Amino acid sequence: MRILVLSPHTDDAELGAGGSLARFLEEGHDVFWVVFSTAEESLPEGMAPDTLQIEFQDVIAELGIRDYKVFDFKVRYLFEKRQIILEELVQLRKDYKPDLVLTPSTYDQHQDHQVVSAESIRAFKNCASIIGYELPWNHTQFTNPLLIRLDERHVAIKWGILSKYRSQIIQGRPYFTKEFIYGMASMRGCQCGARYAESFEVIRWIL
């Protein structure tokens, strides 16, 4: 498959689908990754503005991903760029022709995530399957009809790439801990007869 990964900010896709990405890459699928904001304004005081971009570069190097694009739209203001975002996605539809699109869930309440989710549906609803990854701290509810089973090595890779984001870990975010990552994966795994799993909203499924 050709898989397009859409991340409003650096670290979103890793948090929601890092284990599945590890499995997809292991299975030999092609991955193209787009990040819309490096969230410079969200960095701890005193850190260089390009810290998150450098951390993301470490992630894709670790995963061996060659095809990616990073924009520098202002965090929490993606709504001002939604037409540009749509046009970029339409161009990717023409050039990359993805079979599967990973995007934030439609249940996600973060303003930037809502923009990326909505525009991805506009761009790909007629030509690709679309699944929404789970970021539970942004949800008031969530449906997870799709569960992707993972082995321990996939979760280990997920935690390994998340560990690249030192700028986020030092802020003490509760979802940026090994216990949370493994706990969520274990909980979703018990729902599908596996040790670990990640869950997704099915937005569009085309066979």
N, C-alpha and C. Protein backbone atom coordinates (compact mmCIF):
# COMPACT_ATOMS: atom_id res chain seq x y z
N MET A 1 0.83 -1.20 0.00
CA MET A 1 0.00 0.00 0.00
C MET A 1 0.87 1.25 0.00
N ARG A 2 0.30 2.31 -0.54
CA ARG A 2 0.87 3.64 -0.37
C ARG A 2 0.10 4.33 0.76
N ILE A 3 0.81 4.65 1.82
CA ILE A 3 0.19 5.16 3.05
C ILE A 3 0.61 6.60 3.26
N LEU A 4 -0.37 7.49 3.37
CA LEU A 4 -0.11 8.91 3.65
C LEU A 4 -0.41 9.18 5.12
N VAL A 5 0.58 9.70 5.82
CA VAL A 5 0.45 10.00 7.25
C VAL A 5 0.37 11.51 7.42
N LEU A 6 -0.69 11.99 8.05
CA LEU A 6 -0.91 13.42 8.24
C LEU A 6 -0.81 13.75 9.72
N SER A 7 0.09 14.66 10.03
CA SER A 7 0.36 15.02 11.42
C SER A 7 0.24 16.53 11.58
N PRO A 8 -0.77 17.02 12.30
CA PRO A 8 -0.87 18.47 12.49
C PRO A 8 0.41 19.08 13.06
N HIS A 9 0.99 18.39 14.05
CA HIS A 9 2.24 18.84 14.67
C HIS A 9 3.20 17.66 14.72
N THR A 10 4.48 17.95 14.81
CA THR A 10 5.44 16.89 15.07
C THR A 10 5.00 16.16 16.34
N ASP A 11 5.02 14.88 16.33
CA ASP A 11 4.72 13.92 17.41
C ASP A 11 3.28 13.41 17.41
N ASP A 12 2.34 14.05 16.71
CA ASP A 12 0.94 13.60 16.77
C ASP A 12 0.78 12.19 16.19
N ALA A 13 1.29 11.97 14.99
CA ALA A 13 1.12 10.66 14.36
C ALA A 13 1.88 9.58 15.13
N GLU A 14 3.03 9.93 15.68
CA GLU A 14 3.78 8.95 16.47
C GLU A 14 2.98 8.53 17.70
N LEU A 15 2.36 9.51 18.36
CA LEU A 15 1.57 9.20 19.56
C LEU A 15 0.35 8.35 19.21
N GLY A 16 -0.32 8.67 18.11
CA GLY A 16 -1.56 7.97 17.78
C GLY A 16 -1.38 6.70 17.00
N ALA A 17 -0.28 6.61 16.22
CA ALA A 17 -0.16 5.48 15.30
C ALA A 17 1.28 4.98 15.14
N GLY A 18 2.13 5.30 16.10
CA GLY A 18 3.54 4.93 15.96
C GLY A 18 3.78 3.44 15.85
N GLY A 19 3.04 2.65 16.59
CA GLY A 19 3.19 1.19 16.51
C GLY A 19 2.72 0.65 15.17
N SER A 20 1.61 1.18 14.69
CA SER A 20 1.10 0.75 13.39
C SER A 20 2.05 1.15 12.27
N LEU A 21 2.64 2.34 12.38
CA LEU A 21 3.63 2.75 11.38
C LEU A 21 4.81 1.79 11.37
N ALA A 22 5.25 1.38 12.54
CA ALA A 22 6.35 0.42 12.63
C ALA A 22 5.96 -0.89 11.93
N ARG A 23 4.73 -1.34 12.15
CA ARG A 23 4.27 -2.57 11.50
C ARG A 23 4.16 -2.38 9.98
N PHE A 24 3.60 -1.26 9.54
CA PHE A 24 3.46 -1.01 8.10
C PHE A 24 4.83 -1.01 7.41
N LEU A 25 5.79 -0.35 8.02
CA LEU A 25 7.13 -0.29 7.43
C LEU A 25 7.77 -1.67 7.40
N GLU A 26 7.57 -2.43 8.46
CA GLU A 26 8.10 -3.80 8.52
C GLU A 26 7.51 -4.66 7.41
N GLU A 27 6.24 -4.42 7.10
CA GLU A 27 5.56 -5.21 6.06
C GLU A 27 5.90 -4.74 4.65
N GLY A 28 6.66 -3.64 4.54
CA GLY A 28 7.11 -3.20 3.24
C GLY A 28 6.23 -2.19 2.54
N HIS A 29 5.27 -1.61 3.25
CA HIS A 29 4.41 -0.60 2.64
C HIS A 29 5.18 0.71 2.47
N ASP A 30 4.76 1.51 1.49
CA ASP A 30 5.36 2.81 1.23
C ASP A 30 4.68 3.85 2.10
N VAL A 31 5.47 4.74 2.70
CA VAL A 31 4.93 5.76 3.62
C VAL A 31 5.39 7.14 3.18
N PHE A 32 4.44 8.06 3.09
CA PHE A 32 4.72 9.49 2.87
C PHE A 32 4.15 10.24 4.06
N TRP A 33 4.96 11.08 4.72
CA TRP A 33 4.58 11.70 5.99
C TRP A 33 4.55 13.21 5.82
N VAL A 34 3.46 13.85 6.23
CA VAL A 34 3.34 15.30 6.16
C VAL A 34 3.08 15.86 7.55
N VAL A 35 3.89 16.85 7.94
CA VAL A 35 3.71 17.58 9.20
C VAL A 35 3.37 19.03 8.85
N PHE A 36 2.35 19.57 9.50
CA PHE A 36 1.90 20.91 9.14
C PHE A 36 2.46 22.02 10.05
N SER A 37 2.88 21.68 11.25
CA SER A 37 3.42 22.69 12.15
C SER A 37 4.48 22.07 13.05
N THR A 38 5.59 22.78 13.22
CA THR A 38 6.62 22.34 14.16
C THR A 38 6.43 22.97 15.54
N ALA A 39 5.32 23.67 15.71
CA ALA A 39 4.87 24.14 17.03
C ALA A 39 5.96 24.85 17.82
N GLU A 40 6.62 25.79 17.18
CA GLU A 40 7.70 26.51 17.85
C GLU A 40 7.24 27.21 19.13
N GLU A 41 6.00 27.71 19.10
CA GLU A 41 5.47 28.46 20.24
C GLU A 41 5.20 27.58 21.46
N SER A 42 5.18 26.27 21.25
CA SER A 42 4.88 25.35 22.35
C SER A 42 6.12 24.80 23.03
N LEU A 43 7.28 25.26 22.62
CA LEU A 43 8.52 24.76 23.20
C LEU A 43 8.79 25.40 24.56
N PRO A 44 9.48 24.67 25.44
CA PRO A 44 9.89 25.28 26.71
C PRO A 44 10.77 26.50 26.46
N GLU A 45 10.70 27.43 27.38
CA GLU A 45 11.47 28.67 27.26
C GLU A 45 12.97 28.37 27.14
N GLY A 46 13.60 29.04 26.21
CA GLY A 46 15.04 28.90 26.05
C GLY A 46 15.46 27.89 25.01
N MET A 47 14.51 27.08 24.49
CA MET A 47 14.86 26.09 23.48
C MET A 47 14.88 26.74 22.10
N ALA A 48 15.76 26.25 21.24
CA ALA A 48 15.87 26.78 19.88
C ALA A 48 14.58 26.55 19.12
N PRO A 49 14.17 27.49 18.26
CA PRO A 49 12.91 27.37 17.53
C PRO A 49 12.80 26.13 16.66
N ASP A 50 13.91 25.60 16.20
CA ASP A 50 13.87 24.44 15.32
C ASP A 50 14.02 23.11 16.07
N THR A 51 13.85 23.15 17.40
CA THR A 51 14.05 21.94 18.20
C THR A 51 13.15 20.80 17.75
N LEU A 52 11.85 21.07 17.59
CA LEU A 52 10.92 20.00 17.23
C LEU A 52 11.17 19.49 15.81
N GLN A 53 11.58 20.36 14.93
CA GLN A 53 11.89 19.91 13.58
C GLN A 53 13.10 18.97 13.60
N ILE A 54 14.10 19.30 14.40
CA ILE A 54 15.27 18.43 14.52
C ILE A 54 14.88 17.10 15.15
N GLU A 55 14.03 17.14 16.17
CA GLU A 55 13.58 15.89 16.80
C GLU A 55 12.81 15.03 15.81
N PHE A 56 11.97 15.67 14.98
CA PHE A 56 11.24 14.92 13.96
C PHE A 56 12.19 14.30 12.94
N GLN A 57 13.23 15.02 12.57
CA GLN A 57 14.22 14.47 11.64
C GLN A 57 14.87 13.22 12.24
N ASP A 58 15.09 13.23 13.55
CA ASP A 58 15.65 12.04 14.22
C ASP A 58 14.68 10.87 14.13
N VAL A 59 13.37 11.17 14.22
CA VAL A 59 12.35 10.13 14.14
C VAL A 59 12.35 9.46 12.77
N ILE A 60 12.28 10.27 11.71
CA ILE A 60 12.20 9.67 10.38
C ILE A 60 13.50 8.96 10.01
N ALA A 61 14.62 9.45 10.53
CA ALA A 61 15.89 8.76 10.30
C ALA A 61 15.87 7.40 10.98
N GLU A 62 15.34 7.35 12.20
CA GLU A 62 15.24 6.08 12.93
C GLU A 62 14.35 5.09 12.19
N LEU A 63 13.26 5.58 11.61
CA LEU A 63 12.32 4.71 10.91
C LEU A 63 12.75 4.41 9.48
N GLY A 64 13.69 5.18 8.96
CA GLY A 64 14.14 4.97 7.59
C GLY A 64 13.19 5.52 6.54
N ILE A 65 12.42 6.55 6.90
CA ILE A 65 11.47 7.15 5.97
C ILE A 65 12.17 8.24 5.15
N ARG A 66 12.02 8.16 3.84
CA ARG A 66 12.67 9.13 2.96
C ARG A 66 11.70 10.18 2.41
N ASP A 67 10.43 9.83 2.35
CA ASP A 67 9.44 10.72 1.73
C ASP A 67 8.63 11.43 2.81
N TYR A 68 8.83 12.73 2.91
CA TYR A 68 8.12 13.51 3.92
C TYR A 68 8.14 14.98 3.53
N LYS A 69 7.28 15.75 4.18
CA LYS A 69 7.22 17.18 3.95
C LYS A 69 6.85 17.85 5.26
N VAL A 70 7.52 18.94 5.61
CA VAL A 70 7.27 19.64 6.86
C VAL A 70 6.95 21.10 6.56
N PHE A 71 5.78 21.55 7.01
CA PHE A 71 5.40 22.95 6.90
C PHE A 71 5.66 23.66 8.23
N ASP A 72 5.68 24.97 8.20
CA ASP A 72 5.93 25.73 9.43
C ASP A 72 4.76 26.64 9.78
N PHE A 73 3.52 26.13 9.55
CA PHE A 73 2.35 26.92 9.93
C PHE A 73 2.32 27.09 11.45
N LYS A 74 1.77 28.20 11.88
CA LYS A 74 1.74 28.54 13.31
C LYS A 74 0.79 27.61 14.06
N VAL A 75 1.28 27.07 15.17
CA VAL A 75 0.47 26.17 15.99
C VAL A 75 -0.79 26.88 16.49
N ARG A 76 -1.89 26.18 16.49
CA ARG A 76 -3.22 26.64 16.90
C ARG A 76 -3.85 27.64 15.92
N TYR A 77 -3.19 27.85 14.77
CA TYR A 77 -3.74 28.76 13.77
C TYR A 77 -3.84 28.10 12.39
N LEU A 78 -3.93 26.79 12.36
CA LEU A 78 -4.04 26.12 11.06
C LEU A 78 -5.34 26.50 10.34
N PHE A 79 -6.34 26.93 11.08
CA PHE A 79 -7.60 27.31 10.45
C PHE A 79 -7.39 28.46 9.46
N GLU A 80 -6.38 29.27 9.69
CA GLU A 80 -6.09 30.37 8.77
C GLU A 80 -5.49 29.87 7.45
N LYS A 81 -4.99 28.62 7.46
CA LYS A 81 -4.31 28.06 6.30
C LYS A 81 -5.08 26.89 5.70
N ARG A 82 -6.35 26.75 6.05
CA ARG A 82 -7.06 25.52 5.66
C ARG A 82 -7.16 25.37 4.14
N GLN A 83 -7.31 26.45 3.39
CA GLN A 83 -7.38 26.31 1.94
C GLN A 83 -6.03 25.90 1.36
N ILE A 84 -4.95 26.44 1.91
CA ILE A 84 -3.61 26.03 1.48
C ILE A 84 -3.40 24.56 1.80
N ILE A 85 -3.82 24.15 3.00
CA ILE A 85 -3.69 22.75 3.40
C ILE A 85 -4.47 21.85 2.46
N LEU A 86 -5.70 22.23 2.12
CA LEU A 86 -6.50 21.45 1.19
C LEU A 86 -5.81 21.33 -0.16
N GLU A 87 -5.30 22.43 -0.66
CA GLU A 87 -4.63 22.41 -1.96
C GLU A 87 -3.39 21.52 -1.94
N GLU A 88 -2.65 21.54 -0.84
CA GLU A 88 -1.50 20.65 -0.72
C GLU A 88 -1.93 19.19 -0.72
N LEU A 89 -3.03 18.89 -0.04
CA LEU A 89 -3.52 17.52 0.01
C LEU A 89 -4.04 17.07 -1.34
N VAL A 90 -4.71 17.95 -2.05
CA VAL A 90 -5.19 17.62 -3.39
C VAL A 90 -4.00 17.32 -4.31
N GLN A 91 -2.94 18.09 -4.17
CA GLN A 91 -1.75 17.83 -4.97
C GLN A 91 -1.15 16.47 -4.63
N LEU A 92 -1.13 16.14 -3.35
CA LEU A 92 -0.65 14.81 -2.94
C LEU A 92 -1.55 13.71 -3.49
N ARG A 93 -2.85 13.97 -3.54
CA ARG A 93 -3.78 13.01 -4.14
C ARG A 93 -3.39 12.71 -5.58
N LYS A 94 -3.00 13.74 -6.31
CA LYS A 94 -2.63 13.57 -7.72
C LYS A 94 -1.25 12.93 -7.86
N ASP A 95 -0.31 13.37 -7.03
CA ASP A 95 1.08 12.93 -7.20
C ASP A 95 1.38 11.60 -6.52
N TYR A 96 0.88 11.43 -5.30
CA TYR A 96 1.23 10.24 -4.51
C TYR A 96 0.19 9.14 -4.64
N LYS A 97 -1.07 9.50 -4.80
CA LYS A 97 -2.16 8.54 -4.98
C LYS A 97 -2.20 7.51 -3.84
N PRO A 98 -2.43 7.97 -2.61
CA PRO A 98 -2.40 7.03 -1.47
C PRO A 98 -3.57 6.04 -1.51
N ASP A 99 -3.30 4.86 -0.98
CA ASP A 99 -4.36 3.87 -0.78
C ASP A 99 -5.00 4.06 0.59
N LEU A 100 -4.20 4.50 1.56
CA LEU A 100 -4.66 4.66 2.94
C LEU A 100 -4.13 5.98 3.49
N VAL A 101 -5.01 6.72 4.17
CA VAL A 101 -4.65 7.99 4.78
C VAL A 101 -4.85 7.88 6.29
N LEU A 102 -3.81 8.21 7.06
CA LEU A 102 -3.91 8.29 8.52
C LEU A 102 -4.00 9.76 8.90
N THR A 103 -5.04 10.11 9.63
CA THR A 103 -5.31 11.51 9.96
C THR A 103 -5.84 11.57 11.39
N PRO A 104 -5.88 12.73 12.02
CA PRO A 104 -6.53 12.81 13.33
C PRO A 104 -7.99 12.40 13.25
N SER A 105 -8.49 11.83 14.30
CA SER A 105 -9.89 11.41 14.36
C SER A 105 -10.84 12.61 14.24
N THR A 106 -12.00 12.37 13.71
CA THR A 106 -13.03 13.43 13.67
C THR A 106 -13.53 13.78 15.06
N TYR A 107 -13.23 12.95 16.06
CA TYR A 107 -13.61 13.22 17.45
C TYR A 107 -12.61 14.12 18.16
N ASP A 108 -11.48 14.37 17.54
CA ASP A 108 -10.41 15.14 18.16
C ASP A 108 -10.84 16.60 18.31
N GLN A 109 -10.70 17.16 19.51
CA GLN A 109 -11.17 18.51 19.79
C GLN A 109 -10.11 19.59 19.62
N HIS A 110 -8.86 19.20 19.36
CA HIS A 110 -7.82 20.22 19.16
C HIS A 110 -8.09 20.95 17.85
N GLN A 111 -8.01 22.28 17.86
CA GLN A 111 -8.40 23.06 16.70
C GLN A 111 -7.56 22.75 15.47
N ASP A 112 -6.27 22.54 15.63
CA ASP A 112 -5.43 22.20 14.48
C ASP A 112 -5.74 20.81 13.95
N HIS A 113 -6.01 19.88 14.85
CA HIS A 113 -6.32 18.52 14.44
C HIS A 113 -7.64 18.47 13.68
N GLN A 114 -8.59 19.29 14.09
CA GLN A 114 -9.87 19.34 13.39
C GLN A 114 -9.69 19.81 11.95
N VAL A 115 -8.83 20.78 11.74
CA VAL A 115 -8.59 21.29 10.39
C VAL A 115 -7.99 20.20 9.50
N VAL A 116 -6.95 19.55 9.98
CA VAL A 116 -6.29 18.52 9.18
C VAL A 116 -7.24 17.36 8.90
N SER A 117 -7.99 16.95 9.90
CA SER A 117 -8.95 15.87 9.70
C SER A 117 -9.99 16.24 8.65
N ALA A 118 -10.58 17.42 8.77
CA ALA A 118 -11.63 17.84 7.85
C ALA A 118 -11.11 17.97 6.43
N GLU A 119 -9.94 18.58 6.26
CA GLU A 119 -9.41 18.79 4.91
C GLU A 119 -8.94 17.48 4.29
N SER A 120 -8.47 16.55 5.10
CA SER A 120 -8.08 15.25 4.56
C SER A 120 -9.29 14.49 4.03
N ILE A 121 -10.41 14.63 4.71
CA ILE A 121 -11.63 13.97 4.23
C ILE A 121 -12.08 14.60 2.92
N ARG A 122 -12.03 15.92 2.84
CA ARG A 122 -12.39 16.59 1.59
C ARG A 122 -11.51 16.13 0.44
N ALA A 123 -10.23 15.99 0.71
CA ALA A 123 -9.29 15.67 -0.36
C ALA A 123 -9.35 14.21 -0.81
N PHE A 124 -9.60 13.28 0.12
CA PHE A 124 -9.40 11.86 -0.19
C PHE A 124 -10.65 10.99 -0.08
N LYS A 125 -11.80 11.58 0.20
CA LYS A 125 -12.99 10.78 0.50
C LYS A 125 -13.41 9.87 -0.65
N ASN A 126 -13.07 10.22 -1.88
CA ASN A 126 -13.52 9.42 -3.03
C ASN A 126 -12.45 8.50 -3.60
N CYS A 127 -11.26 8.51 -2.99
CA CYS A 127 -10.18 7.76 -3.64
C CYS A 127 -9.30 6.94 -2.70
N ALA A 128 -9.48 7.06 -1.39
CA ALA A 128 -8.61 6.34 -0.47
C ALA A 128 -9.36 5.99 0.80
N SER A 129 -8.92 4.94 1.44
CA SER A 129 -9.42 4.64 2.78
C SER A 129 -8.82 5.65 3.75
N ILE A 130 -9.61 6.06 4.74
CA ILE A 130 -9.16 7.07 5.70
C ILE A 130 -9.46 6.56 7.11
N ILE A 131 -8.45 6.56 7.95
CA ILE A 131 -8.65 6.16 9.35
C ILE A 131 -8.11 7.26 10.26
N GLY A 132 -8.81 7.47 11.39
CA GLY A 132 -8.44 8.50 12.35
C GLY A 132 -7.77 7.91 13.57
N TYR A 133 -6.56 8.38 13.86
CA TYR A 133 -5.84 7.82 15.01
C TYR A 133 -6.30 8.45 16.32
N GLU A 134 -6.07 7.72 17.37
CA GLU A 134 -6.61 8.04 18.70
C GLU A 134 -5.60 8.81 19.54
N LEU A 135 -6.01 10.00 20.00
CA LEU A 135 -5.26 10.80 20.97
C LEU A 135 -6.22 11.10 22.11
N PRO A 136 -6.37 10.20 23.07
CA PRO A 136 -7.50 10.26 24.00
C PRO A 136 -7.59 11.52 24.84
N TRP A 137 -6.47 12.20 25.08
CA TRP A 137 -6.53 13.44 25.87
C TRP A 137 -7.24 14.55 25.11
N ASN A 138 -7.45 14.39 23.81
CA ASN A 138 -8.17 15.38 23.01
C ASN A 138 -9.62 14.99 22.74
N HIS A 139 -10.07 13.85 23.26
CA HIS A 139 -11.39 13.34 22.92
C HIS A 139 -12.35 13.41 24.11
N THR A 140 -13.60 13.69 23.82
CA THR A 140 -14.65 13.49 24.81
C THR A 140 -15.35 12.16 24.58
N GLN A 141 -15.20 11.61 23.37
CA GLN A 141 -15.69 10.28 23.05
C GLN A 141 -14.88 9.76 21.88
N PHE A 142 -15.00 8.45 21.61
CA PHE A 142 -14.22 7.86 20.53
C PHE A 142 -14.83 6.52 20.16
N THR A 143 -14.91 6.24 18.86
CA THR A 143 -15.30 4.90 18.40
C THR A 143 -14.09 4.26 17.75
N ASN A 144 -13.88 2.98 18.01
CA ASN A 144 -12.68 2.32 17.51
C ASN A 144 -13.00 1.00 16.81
N PRO A 145 -13.71 1.06 15.70
CA PRO A 145 -14.03 -0.19 15.00
C PRO A 145 -12.83 -0.87 14.38
N LEU A 146 -11.71 -0.14 14.20
CA LEU A 146 -10.51 -0.75 13.65
C LEU A 146 -9.45 -0.86 14.73
N LEU A 147 -8.98 -2.08 14.93
CA LEU A 147 -7.88 -2.34 15.86
C LEU A 147 -6.75 -3.00 15.08
N ILE A 148 -5.57 -2.43 15.16
CA ILE A 148 -4.41 -2.99 14.48
C ILE A 148 -3.53 -3.67 15.51
N ARG A 149 -3.41 -4.99 15.39
CA ARG A 149 -2.62 -5.76 16.34
C ARG A 149 -1.14 -5.47 16.19
N LEU A 150 -0.47 -5.40 17.32
CA LEU A 150 0.95 -5.10 17.34
C LEU A 150 1.70 -6.12 18.18
N ASP A 151 2.93 -6.37 17.79
CA ASP A 151 3.83 -7.16 18.62
C ASP A 151 4.60 -6.22 19.53
N GLU A 152 5.27 -6.81 20.52
CA GLU A 152 6.01 -5.99 21.48
C GLU A 152 7.05 -5.12 20.79
N ARG A 153 7.67 -5.63 19.72
CA ARG A 153 8.71 -4.86 19.05
C ARG A 153 8.14 -3.59 18.41
N HIS A 154 6.89 -3.65 17.96
CA HIS A 154 6.28 -2.46 17.36
C HIS A 154 6.06 -1.37 18.42
N VAL A 155 5.62 -1.77 19.61
CA VAL A 155 5.42 -0.80 20.68
C VAL A 155 6.77 -0.27 21.16
N ALA A 156 7.78 -1.13 21.16
CA ALA A 156 9.11 -0.69 21.55
C ALA A 156 9.63 0.36 20.57
N ILE A 157 9.38 0.17 19.29
CA ILE A 157 9.78 1.16 18.29
C ILE A 157 9.00 2.46 18.52
N LYS A 158 7.70 2.34 18.81
CA LYS A 158 6.89 3.53 19.08
C LYS A 158 7.48 4.33 20.24
N TRP A 159 7.77 3.66 21.33
CA TRP A 159 8.33 4.39 22.46
C TRP A 159 9.73 4.92 22.13
N GLY A 160 10.47 4.18 21.32
CA GLY A 160 11.81 4.64 20.94
C GLY A 160 11.78 5.93 20.15
N ILE A 161 10.83 6.05 19.20
CA ILE A 161 10.78 7.29 18.42
C ILE A 161 10.19 8.43 19.24
N LEU A 162 9.25 8.13 20.12
CA LEU A 162 8.72 9.18 20.98
C LEU A 162 9.79 9.70 21.94
N SER A 163 10.72 8.83 22.29
CA SER A 163 11.81 9.25 23.19
C SER A 163 12.73 10.27 22.54
N LYS A 164 12.64 10.41 21.22
CA LYS A 164 13.43 11.43 20.53
C LYS A 164 12.97 12.84 20.90
N TYR A 165 11.70 12.95 21.33
CA TYR A 165 11.12 14.26 21.63
C TYR A 165 11.43 14.68 23.07
N ARG A 166 12.69 14.96 23.33
CA ARG A 166 13.07 15.37 24.67
C ARG A 166 12.38 16.66 25.09
N SER A 167 12.09 17.52 24.12
CA SER A 167 11.43 18.80 24.42
C SER A 167 10.04 18.60 24.99
N GLN A 168 9.43 17.48 24.67
CA GLN A 168 8.08 17.20 25.18
C GLN A 168 8.14 16.41 26.48
N ILE A 169 9.07 15.49 26.55
CA ILE A 169 9.19 14.65 27.75
C ILE A 169 9.51 15.50 28.97
N ILE A 170 10.39 16.49 28.82
CA ILE A 170 10.78 17.29 29.98
C ILE A 170 9.64 18.16 30.49
N GLN A 171 8.57 18.31 29.71
CA GLN A 171 7.43 19.09 30.16
C GLN A 171 6.47 18.28 31.02
N GLY A 172 6.75 16.98 31.17
CA GLY A 172 5.97 16.15 32.08
C GLY A 172 4.57 15.83 31.59
N ARG A 173 4.37 15.81 30.27
CA ARG A 173 3.05 15.47 29.74
C ARG A 173 2.73 14.02 30.09
N PRO A 174 1.56 13.74 30.68
CA PRO A 174 1.27 12.39 31.16
C PRO A 174 1.21 11.34 30.06
N TYR A 175 0.90 11.76 28.83
CA TYR A 175 0.84 10.80 27.73
C TYR A 175 2.19 10.58 27.07
N PHE A 176 3.21 11.29 27.55
CA PHE A 176 4.56 11.13 27.01
C PHE A 176 5.40 10.31 27.99
N THR A 177 4.85 9.18 28.42
CA THR A 177 5.57 8.29 29.32
C THR A 177 5.49 6.86 28.78
N LYS A 178 6.47 6.07 29.11
CA LYS A 178 6.49 4.68 28.68
C LYS A 178 5.30 3.93 29.25
N GLU A 179 4.94 4.25 30.50
CA GLU A 179 3.81 3.56 31.13
C GLU A 179 2.51 3.81 30.37
N PHE A 180 2.30 5.05 29.93
CA PHE A 180 1.08 5.37 29.21
C PHE A 180 1.06 4.66 27.86
N ILE A 181 2.15 4.74 27.12
CA ILE A 181 2.21 4.16 25.78
C ILE A 181 1.96 2.65 25.83
N TYR A 182 2.63 1.97 26.74
CA TYR A 182 2.44 0.52 26.84
C TYR A 182 1.07 0.19 27.42
N GLY A 183 0.59 1.02 28.34
CA GLY A 183 -0.73 0.76 28.94
C GLY A 183 -1.85 0.88 27.92
N MET A 184 -1.82 1.94 27.09
CA MET A 184 -2.83 2.10 26.05
C MET A 184 -2.78 0.94 25.06
N ALA A 185 -1.57 0.58 24.65
CA ALA A 185 -1.42 -0.51 23.69
C ALA A 185 -1.91 -1.83 24.27
N SER A 186 -1.66 -2.06 25.55
CA SER A 186 -2.12 -3.27 26.22
C SER A 186 -3.64 -3.29 26.32
N MET A 187 -4.23 -2.15 26.69
CA MET A 187 -5.68 -2.06 26.82
C MET A 187 -6.37 -2.34 25.47
N ARG A 188 -5.86 -1.72 24.39
CA ARG A 188 -6.44 -1.96 23.07
C ARG A 188 -6.17 -3.39 22.61
N GLY A 189 -5.03 -3.94 23.00
CA GLY A 189 -4.74 -5.32 22.64
C GLY A 189 -5.74 -6.30 23.24
N CYS A 190 -6.16 -6.05 24.47
CA CYS A 190 -7.10 -6.98 25.11
C CYS A 190 -8.47 -6.95 24.44
N GLN A 191 -8.73 -5.92 23.63
CA GLN A 191 -10.00 -5.85 22.90
C GLN A 191 -9.99 -6.65 21.61
N CYS A 192 -8.80 -7.12 21.20
CA CYS A 192 -8.75 -7.85 19.93
C CYS A 192 -7.89 -9.11 20.03
N GLY A 193 -7.74 -9.63 21.24
CA GLY A 193 -7.04 -10.89 21.42
C GLY A 193 -5.56 -10.84 21.13
N ALA A 194 -4.95 -9.68 21.38
CA ALA A 194 -3.52 -9.52 21.14
C ALA A 194 -2.88 -8.95 22.39
N ARG A 195 -1.57 -9.02 22.45
CA ARG A 195 -0.89 -8.43 23.60
C ARG A 195 -0.98 -6.91 23.52
N TYR A 196 -0.82 -6.38 22.29
CA TYR A 196 -0.85 -4.93 22.09
C TYR A 196 -1.64 -4.60 20.82
N ALA A 197 -2.13 -3.37 20.76
CA ALA A 197 -2.82 -2.89 19.55
C ALA A 197 -2.95 -1.38 19.62
N GLU A 198 -3.28 -0.78 18.47
CA GLU A 198 -3.70 0.62 18.40
C GLU A 198 -5.07 0.65 17.76
N SER A 199 -5.87 1.65 18.15
CA SER A 199 -7.24 1.72 17.65
C SER A 199 -7.43 2.96 16.78
N PHE A 200 -8.37 2.82 15.83
CA PHE A 200 -8.61 3.87 14.86
C PHE A 200 -10.10 4.00 14.57
N GLU A 201 -10.51 5.22 14.32
CA GLU A 201 -11.84 5.49 13.78
C GLU A 201 -11.80 5.21 12.28
N VAL A 202 -12.78 4.49 11.78
CA VAL A 202 -12.89 4.27 10.34
C VAL A 202 -13.74 5.40 9.76
N ILE A 203 -13.08 6.27 9.02
CA ILE A 203 -13.77 7.41 8.42
C ILE A 203 -14.26 7.06 7.03
N ARG A 204 -13.44 6.35 6.26
CA ARG A 204 -13.80 5.86 4.93
C ARG A 204 -13.01 4.60 4.68
N TRP A 205 -13.69 3.56 4.17
CA TRP A 205 -13.00 2.33 3.85
C TRP A 205 -13.39 1.92 2.44
N ILE A 206 -12.41 1.84 1.55
CA ILE A 206 -12.64 1.55 0.15
C ILE A 206 -11.86 0.29 -0.23
N LEU A 207 -12.57 -0.70 -0.75
CA LEU A 207 -11.95 -1.94 -1.19
C LEU A 207 -12.06 -2.05 -2.70
